[in-house]
Protein backbone atom coordinates (compact mmCIF):
# COMPACT_ATOMS: atom_id res chain seq x y z
CA UNK A 1 107.84 88.11 106.59
CA UNK A 2 107.37 86.73 110.11
CA UNK A 3 104.36 84.38 110.24
CA UNK A 4 102.95 81.46 112.09
CA UNK A 5 101.13 78.52 110.61
CA UNK A 6 97.72 77.62 111.98
CA UNK A 7 95.15 74.93 111.37
CA UNK A 8 91.46 75.85 111.38
CA UNK A 9 89.91 73.69 114.14
CA UNK A 10 86.74 72.98 112.09
CA UNK A 11 87.87 72.61 108.49
CA UNK A 12 91.43 71.44 109.10
CA UNK A 13 92.60 74.01 106.51
CA UNK A 14 96.14 75.26 107.17
CA UNK A 15 97.01 78.93 106.73
CA UNK A 16 99.99 81.19 107.32
CA UNK A 17 99.04 84.18 109.46
CA UNK A 18 100.69 87.42 110.40
CA UNK A 19 100.80 87.65 114.18
CA UNK A 20 98.14 89.86 115.72
CA UNK A 21 95.00 90.05 117.77
CA UNK A 22 92.67 92.21 119.78
CA UNK A 23 93.82 95.56 121.14
CA UNK A 24 93.35 95.43 124.90
CA UNK A 25 91.78 98.31 126.81
CA UNK A 26 95.07 99.55 128.27
CA UNK A 27 97.20 99.51 125.10
CA UNK A 28 97.60 101.18 121.72
CA UNK A 29 97.33 99.29 118.44
CA UNK A 30 101.14 99.31 117.96
CA UNK A 31 101.60 97.98 121.52
CA UNK A 32 99.07 95.23 120.80
CA UNK A 33 100.97 94.30 117.64
CA UNK A 34 104.24 93.98 119.58
CA UNK A 35 102.60 91.95 122.38
CA UNK A 36 100.72 89.63 120.03
CA UNK A 37 103.82 89.06 117.90
CA UNK A 38 105.75 87.99 120.98
CA UNK A 39 102.91 85.74 122.21
CA UNK A 40 102.40 84.05 118.83
CA UNK A 41 105.99 83.84 117.54
CA UNK A 42 108.32 84.30 120.52
CA UNK A 43 110.13 87.17 118.75
CA UNK A 44 110.32 90.70 120.13
CA UNK A 45 109.64 93.38 117.53
CA UNK A 46 109.45 97.15 117.45
CA UNK A 47 106.56 98.45 115.37
CA UNK A 48 107.08 101.46 113.15
CA UNK A 49 103.66 103.13 113.65
CA UNK A 50 103.96 105.35 110.58
CA UNK A 51 104.35 102.34 108.27
CA UNK A 52 100.86 100.91 108.37
CA UNK A 53 97.74 100.22 106.37
CA UNK A 54 94.34 98.91 107.33
CA UNK A 55 91.75 96.60 105.82
CA UNK A 56 88.17 95.64 106.58
CA UNK A 57 87.29 92.13 105.48
CA UNK A 58 85.44 88.96 106.44
CA UNK A 59 87.46 85.94 107.53
CA UNK A 60 85.97 82.46 107.92
CA UNK A 61 87.48 80.59 110.89
CA UNK A 62 86.31 77.73 113.09
CA UNK A 63 82.94 77.53 111.33
CA UNK A 64 82.11 81.23 111.69
CA UNK A 65 82.56 84.44 109.70
CA UNK A 66 84.40 87.25 111.46
CA UNK A 67 84.22 90.90 110.47
CA UNK A 68 87.80 92.11 110.76
CA UNK A 69 89.23 95.60 110.88
CA UNK A 70 92.96 94.96 110.80
CA UNK A 71 95.84 97.41 111.01
CA UNK A 72 98.97 96.00 109.38
CA UNK A 73 102.35 97.33 110.55
CA UNK A 74 105.97 97.12 109.52
CA UNK A 75 108.17 96.13 112.46
CA UNK A 76 111.86 95.67 113.14
CA UNK A 77 113.18 92.59 114.87
CA UNK A 78 114.40 93.71 118.32
CA UNK A 79 115.99 90.41 119.25
CA UNK A 80 117.04 87.48 117.11
CA UNK A 81 116.55 85.27 120.16
CA UNK A 82 113.21 83.51 120.14
CA UNK A 83 111.32 82.65 123.32
CA UNK A 84 109.19 79.55 123.65
CA UNK A 85 105.71 80.01 122.18
CA UNK A 86 102.81 78.89 124.35
CA UNK A 87 99.92 79.99 122.20
CA UNK A 88 96.65 78.32 121.19
CA UNK A 89 96.65 74.72 120.01
CA UNK A 90 95.89 75.83 116.45
CA UNK A 91 99.31 77.57 116.28
CA UNK A 92 101.57 75.13 114.40
CA UNK A 93 104.77 77.14 114.66
CA UNK A 94 106.74 80.10 113.41
CA UNK A 95 107.85 80.49 109.80
CA UNK A 96 109.81 83.18 107.97
CA UNK A 97 108.33 83.65 104.50
CA UNK A 98 110.71 84.93 101.79
CA UNK A 99 109.43 88.09 100.09
CA UNK A 100 109.39 86.29 96.75
CA UNK A 101 106.78 83.87 98.16
CA UNK A 102 104.38 86.42 99.69
CA UNK A 103 101.92 86.29 96.78
CA UNK A 104 101.65 82.51 96.75
CA UNK A 105 101.53 82.12 100.54
CA UNK A 106 98.91 84.82 101.21
CA UNK A 107 96.96 84.43 97.97
CA UNK A 108 94.26 82.63 99.95
CA UNK A 109 92.90 86.05 101.04
CA UNK A 110 93.17 89.03 98.64
CA UNK A 111 92.66 91.64 101.39
CA UNK A 112 95.49 90.28 103.52
CA UNK A 113 97.77 89.91 100.50
CA UNK A 114 97.11 93.47 99.29
CA UNK A 115 97.81 94.87 102.77
CA UNK A 116 101.15 93.06 102.96
CA UNK A 117 102.06 94.25 99.47
CA UNK A 118 101.12 97.84 100.37
CA UNK A 119 103.30 97.79 103.50
CA UNK A 120 106.22 96.41 101.49
CA UNK A 121 105.76 99.15 98.88
CA UNK A 122 105.66 101.85 101.60
CA UNK A 123 108.83 100.46 103.17
CA UNK A 124 110.66 100.27 99.86
CA UNK A 125 109.07 103.39 98.34
């Protein structure tokens, strides 16, 4: 699973995140997922729009609670070549998480973990 590690600016807590972010006015959610993945990891991916799930949850970050509606997608790696990442200072770098470690790595947030597990089940189902 393609992730990046980030450090919460307020608490100093480190988390692994799936790349993603806000859907801009001129793009679809799958296009936003591809753009955000490139910006945050340097890898180009191709989203498979039919392999998705969504979650609504609250996430505490930088001293505030954020109401999140997140669409999680399965994507294929388009290029094994990684571009330089010039993202926010909280981005500590790209990490590939083995599938066997998904539960322990994302156990910090049950909604995120269950979404990842659901996508994996859909892909393998």
